[in-house]
C-alpha cells in the first residue's frame, strides 16, 4: 500500500487514474444500478501488471496498459448480477475513455490480457487464478504445502495494489491472511534453501567452474547467487518478492538494502576472468582472493551474515552461509 501511495503522490501512476475512474464512474453506477449489492461489491486494483505495484512507466506502457478496476463479488452474487454488472462496467469504461482521450486513443487498444485482469470476477476465481489453489473466504488460511510450493511472486501479486472499498470484507479477509506471511516453519525452510543456493553457487561451485575454465557455468553461479541474495533479504524483511522483472526494483525499497544494492549493481557488470585462475591450484578449503568477483560476493555474504545475526537467527558472523543452515533449520517444528 505504501509503495502505491508513494507513486500516486507524483500523479504519474495509472493507479491514480484508476481511482478517479472508480470514484467518478463506477461508484455512482453501483450506487444507482446495484443498490441492493452496493455493500457487497469490493473494488480495487490488485494482481498482475506493473501498475498494480506502482511501477508502470513509459516502457511498461507498451503492453497491457490502460484504465480499469476489479470488481470482486461472491459466487452467489455472480449468479444474480454478474453479467449485468460486467455489461455496465464495460459501458462505463468506454464512456470514461471517450471522455478522456489522452488516456487511450480508443477502447480497442485495451489488450485482451488487461481486459481479463479487470472488470467483474468472483473473489474465489481471482485468488485461485493468481495463486493456483483455492482459499475459503469463510476460513481464509493457507496450509504449509501451499506456502512452500507456490511461487513467491504469486503471493506478491495477490496482495499488491490498492482496495478502494470492501464493506463485505471477504476479499480483504483472504488478502490479510496472505499478508500474515509464511508460517515459521515454511519461512525457515525457504530461508535455509536460499542460504544454501547462495553458498553453493558462489561460495563453492563458482571456484570449481572457474578451475575447469567453464565461463558459462560460472556466470550461472553469479546470477543464481544474486537472486538468492535478494531472496534472503526479502525473507528477513518478511516481504514477498515480486516477479523477477520487478524483483530488484522492489529490493531497493527494502529496509537496510542500500549497501547490498550497490554491491549487486557492481557484481552484475563484473565478469568471470580466467586470468585470475591461471596460477591458482584449486582447493575447496581456500578462497581465491585474487578473483575480484569472488571477493565481491564474500562482501555480500558478510552483510547477509550480519543481517542474520541482527535478526537473532545465528550466534556468529561466519561468512560461509551454508554453515548457518543447520542452526536455522533446527528451529523448524
Protein backbone atom coordinates (compact mmCIF):
# COMPACT_ATOMS: atom_id res chain seq x y z
CA UNK A 1 0.00 0.00 0.00
CA UNK A 2 2.83 2.41 0.87
CA UNK A 3 4.55 1.62 -2.41
CA UNK A 4 1.44 2.62 -4.36
CA UNK A 5 0.89 5.77 -2.31
CA UNK A 6 4.42 6.97 -2.96
CA UNK A 7 3.88 6.66 -6.71
CA UNK A 8 0.41 8.18 -6.60
CA UNK A 9 1.69 11.31 -4.91
CA UNK A 10 3.67 12.16 -8.04
CA UNK A 11 0.50 11.97 -10.14
CA UNK A 12 2.25 9.74 -12.66
CA UNK A 13 0.83 6.34 -11.81
CA UNK A 14 -2.02 4.79 -13.78
CA UNK A 15 -3.49 3.68 -10.47
CA UNK A 16 -4.33 7.31 -9.65
CA UNK A 17 -6.34 7.45 -12.86
CA UNK A 18 -7.97 4.14 -11.91
CA UNK A 19 -9.04 5.70 -8.62
CA UNK A 20 -10.65 8.65 -10.39
CA UNK A 21 -12.39 6.27 -12.78
CA UNK A 22 -13.78 4.37 -9.79
CA UNK A 23 -14.90 7.47 -7.91
CA UNK A 24 -16.44 9.29 -10.91
CA UNK A 25 -17.89 6.40 -12.91
CA UNK A 26 -18.01 3.06 -11.14
CA UNK A 27 -19.07 4.03 -7.61
CA UNK A 28 -22.05 6.13 -8.84
CA UNK A 29 -23.06 3.35 -11.26
CA UNK A 30 -23.05 0.74 -8.50
CA UNK A 31 -24.97 3.05 -6.18
CA UNK A 32 -27.65 3.71 -8.80
CA UNK A 33 -27.95 0.41 -10.66
CA UNK A 34 -26.99 -2.15 -8.00
CA UNK A 35 -28.16 -0.51 -4.80
CA UNK A 36 -29.00 -3.78 -3.07
CA UNK A 37 -25.49 -5.09 -3.72
CA UNK A 38 -23.56 -1.86 -3.14
CA UNK A 39 -22.10 -3.02 0.16
CA UNK A 40 -21.31 -6.47 -1.25
CA UNK A 41 -19.08 -5.39 -4.15
CA UNK A 42 -15.38 -4.91 -3.45
CA UNK A 43 -13.45 -2.68 -5.85
CA UNK A 44 -9.76 -2.07 -6.34
CA UNK A 45 -6.69 -2.67 -8.49
CA UNK A 46 -4.75 -5.77 -7.47
CA UNK A 47 -2.98 -8.53 -9.36
CA UNK A 48 -0.58 -8.99 -12.25
CA UNK A 49 0.91 -5.97 -14.00
CA UNK A 50 3.46 -3.29 -13.15
CA UNK A 51 0.67 -0.78 -12.48
CA UNK A 52 -0.51 -2.84 -9.52
CA UNK A 53 2.91 -2.36 -7.91
CA UNK A 54 3.08 1.31 -8.82
CA UNK A 55 5.96 0.54 -11.18
CA UNK A 56 4.40 1.49 -14.51
CA UNK A 57 6.47 3.83 -16.68
CA UNK A 58 6.73 4.75 -20.34
CA UNK A 59 8.37 1.43 -21.19
CA UNK A 60 5.88 -0.75 -19.34
CA UNK A 61 3.01 1.02 -21.10
CA UNK A 62 3.85 -0.67 -24.39
CA UNK A 63 1.65 -3.63 -23.39
CA UNK A 64 -1.38 -4.48 -21.23
CA UNK A 65 -1.81 -0.83 -20.33
CA UNK A 66 -4.98 1.14 -19.71
CA UNK A 67 -7.68 2.23 -17.32
CA UNK A 68 -9.72 -0.29 -15.38
CA UNK A 69 -10.64 -1.62 -11.94
CA UNK A 70 -11.51 -5.01 -10.50
CA UNK A 71 -14.99 -5.63 -9.12
CA UNK A 72 -14.89 -8.65 -6.81
CA UNK A 73 -18.14 -10.42 -5.88
CA UNK A 74 -19.16 -13.69 -4.27
CA UNK A 75 -20.09 -16.75 -6.31
CA UNK A 76 -23.75 -16.36 -5.32
CA UNK A 77 -23.84 -12.70 -6.31
CA UNK A 78 -22.18 -13.56 -9.61
CA UNK A 79 -25.14 -15.79 -10.41
CA UNK A 80 -27.53 -12.93 -9.74
CA UNK A 81 -25.81 -9.83 -11.14
CA UNK A 82 -22.52 -10.93 -12.69
CA UNK A 83 -23.45 -10.45 -16.35
CA UNK A 84 -25.38 -7.22 -15.82
CA UNK A 85 -22.59 -5.74 -13.68
CA UNK A 86 -19.96 -6.62 -16.27
CA UNK A 87 -22.06 -5.06 -19.04
CA UNK A 88 -22.49 -1.82 -17.10
CA UNK A 89 -18.80 -1.81 -16.18
CA UNK A 90 -17.80 -2.00 -19.84
CA UNK A 91 -20.23 0.78 -20.74
CA UNK A 92 -18.77 2.98 -18.00
CA UNK A 93 -15.22 2.12 -19.10
CA UNK A 94 -15.77 3.05 -22.75
CA UNK A 95 -17.61 6.21 -21.75
CA UNK A 96 -14.73 7.23 -19.48
CA UNK A 97 -12.11 6.56 -22.15
CA UNK A 98 -14.01 8.65 -24.70
CA UNK A 99 -14.30 11.46 -22.13
CA UNK A 100 -10.57 11.29 -21.53
CA UNK A 101 -8.91 10.67 -24.91
CA UNK A 102 -5.47 11.43 -23.50
CA UNK A 103 -5.62 8.08 -21.68
CA UNK A 104 -6.14 5.88 -24.72
CA UNK A 105 -6.97 6.63 -28.32
CA UNK A 106 -9.77 4.08 -28.37
CA UNK A 107 -11.14 1.21 -26.27
CA UNK A 108 -9.82 -1.23 -28.87
CA UNK A 109 -6.29 -0.56 -27.60
CA UNK A 110 -7.16 -2.36 -24.37
CA UNK A 111 -5.36 -5.70 -24.66
CA UNK A 112 -7.13 -8.96 -24.00
CA UNK A 113 -4.84 -9.50 -21.02
CA UNK A 114 -5.80 -6.21 -19.40
CA UNK A 115 -9.47 -6.98 -20.04
CA UNK A 116 -9.01 -10.34 -18.30
CA UNK A 117 -7.33 -8.67 -15.33
CA UNK A 118 -10.02 -6.04 -14.80
CA UNK A 119 -13.79 -5.96 -14.59
CA UNK A 120 -16.14 -8.29 -12.74
CA UNK A 121 -14.77 -11.50 -11.23
CA UNK A 122 -15.57 -13.68 -8.27
CA UNK A 123 -13.41 -13.43 -5.18
CA UNK A 124 -12.72 -17.15 -5.36
CA UNK A 125 -11.71 -17.07 -9.02
CA UNK A 126 -9.44 -14.04 -8.61
CA UNK A 127 -7.30 -15.64 -5.92
CA UNK A 128 -7.43 -19.10 -7.45
CA UNK A 129 -6.24 -17.79 -10.83
CA UNK A 130 -3.24 -15.99 -9.34
CA UNK A 131 -2.24 -18.43 -6.63
CA UNK A 132 -3.15 -21.72 -8.28
CA UNK A 133 -5.04 -23.00 -5.24
CA UNK A 134 -8.32 -22.20 -3.52
CA UNK A 135 -8.77 -20.28 -0.27
CA UNK A 136 -12.11 -20.39 1.51
CA UNK A 137 -13.24 -16.81 2.36
CA UNK A 138 -15.07 -18.20 5.39
CA UNK A 139 -11.81 -19.70 6.67
CA UNK A 140 -9.01 -17.84 4.89
CA UNK A 141 -5.95 -19.92 5.77
CA UNK A 142 -3.01 -21.17 3.73
CA UNK A 143 -1.56 -24.57 4.59
CA UNK A 144 2.17 -25.23 4.76
CA UNK A 145 2.27 -27.11 1.47
CA UNK A 146 0.72 -24.17 -0.39
CA UNK A 147 3.00 -21.71 1.38
CA UNK A 148 6.08 -23.70 0.43
CA UNK A 149 5.37 -24.85 -3.12
CA UNK A 150 3.68 -21.72 -4.51
CA UNK A 151 5.97 -19.30 -6.35
CA UNK A 152 6.57 -16.29 -4.15
CA UNK A 153 5.72 -13.75 -6.86
CA UNK A 154 2.17 -15.09 -6.83
CA UNK A 155 1.72 -14.06 -3.20
CA UNK A 156 3.13 -10.64 -4.10
CA UNK A 157 0.68 -10.30 -6.99
CA UNK A 158 -2.26 -11.36 -4.83
CA UNK A 159 -1.55 -8.70 -2.20
CA UNK A 160 -0.23 -5.68 -4.12
CA UNK A 161 -2.12 -2.62 -5.35
CA UNK A 162 -4.96 -0.98 -3.51
CA UNK A 163 -8.51 -1.84 -2.42
CA UNK A 164 -10.84 1.13 -2.80
CA UNK A 165 -13.81 -0.40 -0.96
CA UNK A 166 -14.76 -3.73 0.62
CA UNK A 167 -17.60 -3.43 3.12
CA UNK A 168 -18.42 -7.14 2.87
CA UNK A 169 -14.83 -7.94 3.83
CA UNK A 170 -14.48 -11.31 2.09
CA UNK A 171 -11.91 -10.14 -0.41
CA UNK A 172 -9.85 -8.43 2.28
CA UNK A 173 -10.07 -11.39 4.64
CA UNK A 174 -8.11 -13.50 2.17
CA UNK A 175 -5.74 -10.65 1.37
CA UNK A 176 -5.00 -10.14 5.05
CA UNK A 177 -4.49 -13.87 5.63
CA UNK A 178 -1.80 -13.92 2.94
CA UNK A 179 -0.21 -10.74 4.30
CA UNK A 180 0.24 -12.54 7.63
CA UNK A 181 3.16 -14.07 5.72
CA UNK A 182 4.68 -17.55 5.81
CA UNK A 183 4.34 -19.78 8.83
CA UNK A 184 7.52 -20.01 10.91
CA UNK A 185 8.19 -23.50 9.57
CA UNK A 186 7.93 -22.51 5.92
CA UNK A 187 9.82 -19.26 6.50
CA UNK A 188 12.80 -21.15 7.93
CA UNK A 189 12.62 -23.77 5.18
CA UNK A 190 12.65 -21.11 2.46
CA UNK A 191 15.44 -19.20 4.20
CA UNK A 192 17.70 -22.25 4.51
CA UNK A 193 17.05 -23.08 0.86
CA UNK A 194 18.17 -19.61 -0.23
CA UNK A 195 21.23 -19.65 2.02
CA UNK A 196 22.21 -22.98 0.51
CA UNK A 197 21.59 -21.65 -3.01
CA UNK A 198 23.79 -18.60 -2.44
CA UNK A 199 26.56 -20.59 -0.85
CA UNK A 200 26.52 -23.47 -3.30
CA UNK A 201 26.62 -21.15 -6.30
CA UNK A 202 29.27 -18.53 -5.48
CA UNK A 203 30.99 -19.95 -2.41
CA UNK A 204 31.53 -23.45 -3.79
CA UNK A 205 30.59 -24.19 -7.41
CA UNK A 206 31.95 -20.96 -8.90
CA UNK A 207 35.52 -21.93 -7.99
CA UNK A 208 35.02 -25.41 -9.45
CA UNK A 209 33.66 -23.95 -12.69
CA UNK A 210 36.49 -21.43 -13.00
CA UNK A 211 39.09 -24.10 -12.27
CA UNK A 212 37.63 -26.03 -15.20
CA UNK A 213 37.60 -22.93 -17.39
CA UNK A 214 33.80 -23.04 -17.78
CA UNK A 215 32.76 -19.39 -18.07
CA UNK A 216 29.12 -20.09 -18.92
CA UNK A 217 28.60 -22.19 -15.79
CA UNK A 218 30.49 -19.55 -13.79
CA UNK A 219 28.06 -16.89 -14.96
CA UNK A 220 25.17 -19.14 -13.94
CA UNK A 221 26.71 -19.24 -10.46
CA UNK A 222 26.84 -15.46 -10.37
CA UNK A 223 23.23 -14.90 -11.39
CA UNK A 224 21.92 -17.62 -9.06
CA UNK A 225 23.71 -16.05 -6.10
CA UNK A 226 22.43 -12.58 -7.00
CA UNK A 227 18.89 -13.94 -6.97
CA UNK A 228 19.45 -15.84 -3.73
CA UNK A 229 20.94 -12.77 -2.02
CA UNK A 230 17.83 -10.75 -2.84
CA UNK A 231 15.54 -13.58 -1.73
CA UNK A 232 17.33 -13.82 1.61
CA UNK A 233 16.74 -10.16 2.43
CA UNK A 234 13.11 -10.35 1.27
CA UNK A 235 12.63 -13.24 3.69
CA UNK A 236 14.38 -11.46 6.54
CA UNK A 237 12.17 -8.41 5.97
CA UNK A 238 9.12 -10.70 5.65
CA UNK A 239 8.14 -9.22 2.32
CA UNK A 240 7.03 -11.15 -0.77
CA UNK A 241 9.41 -10.81 -3.72
CA UNK A 242 7.58 -9.91 -6.94
CA UNK A 243 8.03 -11.39 -10.42
CA UNK A 244 11.71 -11.42 -11.44
CA UNK A 245 11.33 -8.43 -13.77
CA UNK A 246 10.48 -6.22 -10.79
CA UNK A 247 12.41 -8.01 -8.05
CA UNK A 248 15.41 -5.68 -7.95
CA UNK A 249 13.13 -2.64 -8.12
CA UNK A 250 11.30 -3.90 -5.03
CA UNK A 251 14.58 -5.00 -3.43
CA UNK A 252 15.84 -1.41 -3.50
CA UNK A 253 12.86 -0.45 -1.33
CA UNK A 254 13.62 -2.97 1.43
CA UNK A 255 14.83 -1.64 4.76
CA UNK A 256 18.60 -1.90 5.02
CA UNK A 257 19.19 -2.87 1.38
CA UNK A 258 21.30 0.15 0.41
CA UNK A 259 24.76 -1.42 0.72
CA UNK A 260 23.64 -4.65 -0.89
CA UNK A 261 22.11 -2.73 -3.78
CA UNK A 262 25.47 -1.12 -4.55
CA UNK A 263 27.37 -4.40 -4.30
CA UNK A 264 24.87 -6.26 -6.50
CA UNK A 265 24.89 -3.50 -9.11
CA UNK A 266 28.68 -3.75 -9.23
CA UNK A 267 28.64 -7.56 -9.30
CA UNK A 268 26.24 -7.78 -12.21
CA UNK A 269 28.65 -5.96 -14.55
CA UNK A 270 31.72 -7.84 -13.36
CA UNK A 271 32.65 -10.84 -15.49
CA UNK A 272 34.41 -14.08 -14.55
CA UNK A 273 38.02 -13.79 -15.72
CA UNK A 274 40.15 -16.91 -16.19
CA UNK A 275 43.31 -14.81 -15.86
CA UNK A 276 42.73 -14.79 -12.10
CA UNK A 277 42.89 -18.59 -12.08
CA UNK A 278 45.95 -19.25 -14.24
CA UNK A 279 48.38 -19.81 -11.40
CA UNK A 280 45.82 -20.95 -8.84
CA UNK A 281 45.65 -24.57 -7.70
CA UNK A 282 42.07 -25.43 -6.87
CA UNK A 283 41.50 -26.21 -3.21
CA UNK A 284 37.91 -26.32 -1.82
CA UNK A 285 39.25 -25.18 1.56
CA UNK A 286 40.71 -21.92 0.24
CA UNK A 287 39.24 -18.78 -1.34
CA UNK A 288 40.95 -17.42 -4.42
CA UNK A 289 41.37 -13.88 -3.12
CA UNK A 290 42.83 -12.73 -6.44
CA UNK A 291 39.42 -13.06 -8.13
CA UNK A 292 37.60 -9.72 -7.60
CA UNK A 293 34.20 -11.19 -8.49
CA UNK A 294 34.56 -13.90 -5.88
CA UNK A 295 35.61 -11.35 -3.27
CA UNK A 296 32.63 -9.16 -4.22
CA UNK A 297 30.31 -11.98 -3.19
CA UNK A 298 32.24 -12.51 0.01
CA UNK A 299 31.35 -8.90 0.89
CA UNK A 300 27.72 -9.65 0.08
CA UNK A 301 27.88 -12.78 2.23
CA UNK A 302 29.33 -10.76 5.10
CA UNK A 303 26.41 -8.32 5.02
CA UNK A 304 23.87 -11.13 4.82
CA UNK A 305 25.51 -12.89 7.77
CA UNK A 306 25.29 -9.63 9.74
CA UNK A 307 21.57 -9.42 8.86
CA UNK A 308 21.01 -12.98 10.06
CA UNK A 309 22.83 -12.16 13.28
CA UNK A 310 20.82 -8.96 13.80
CA UNK A 311 17.61 -10.99 13.43
CA UNK A 312 18.78 -13.36 16.19
CA UNK A 313 18.95 -16.34 13.83
CA UNK A 314 22.67 -17.09 14.29
CA UNK A 315 25.21 -16.52 17.07
CA UNK A 316 28.27 -15.72 14.95
CA UNK A 317 29.22 -13.81 11.79
CA UNK A 318 30.52 -16.72 9.70
CA UNK A 319 30.52 -15.62 6.04
CA UNK A 320 30.12 -19.12 4.61
CA UNK A 321 26.32 -19.02 4.64
CA UNK A 322 25.85 -22.77 4.23
CA UNK A 323 27.25 -23.13 7.75
CA UNK A 324 24.13 -21.46 9.18
CA UNK A 325 21.57 -23.71 7.52
CA UNK A 326 21.58 -26.37 10.24
CA UNK A 327 21.07 -23.95 13.12
CA UNK A 328 18.28 -22.09 11.31
CA UNK A 329 16.63 -25.35 10.28
CA UNK A 330 16.77 -26.55 13.89
CA UNK A 331 14.01 -24.05 14.65
CA UNK A 332 11.62 -25.85 12.29
CA UNK A 333 8.89 -27.60 14.28
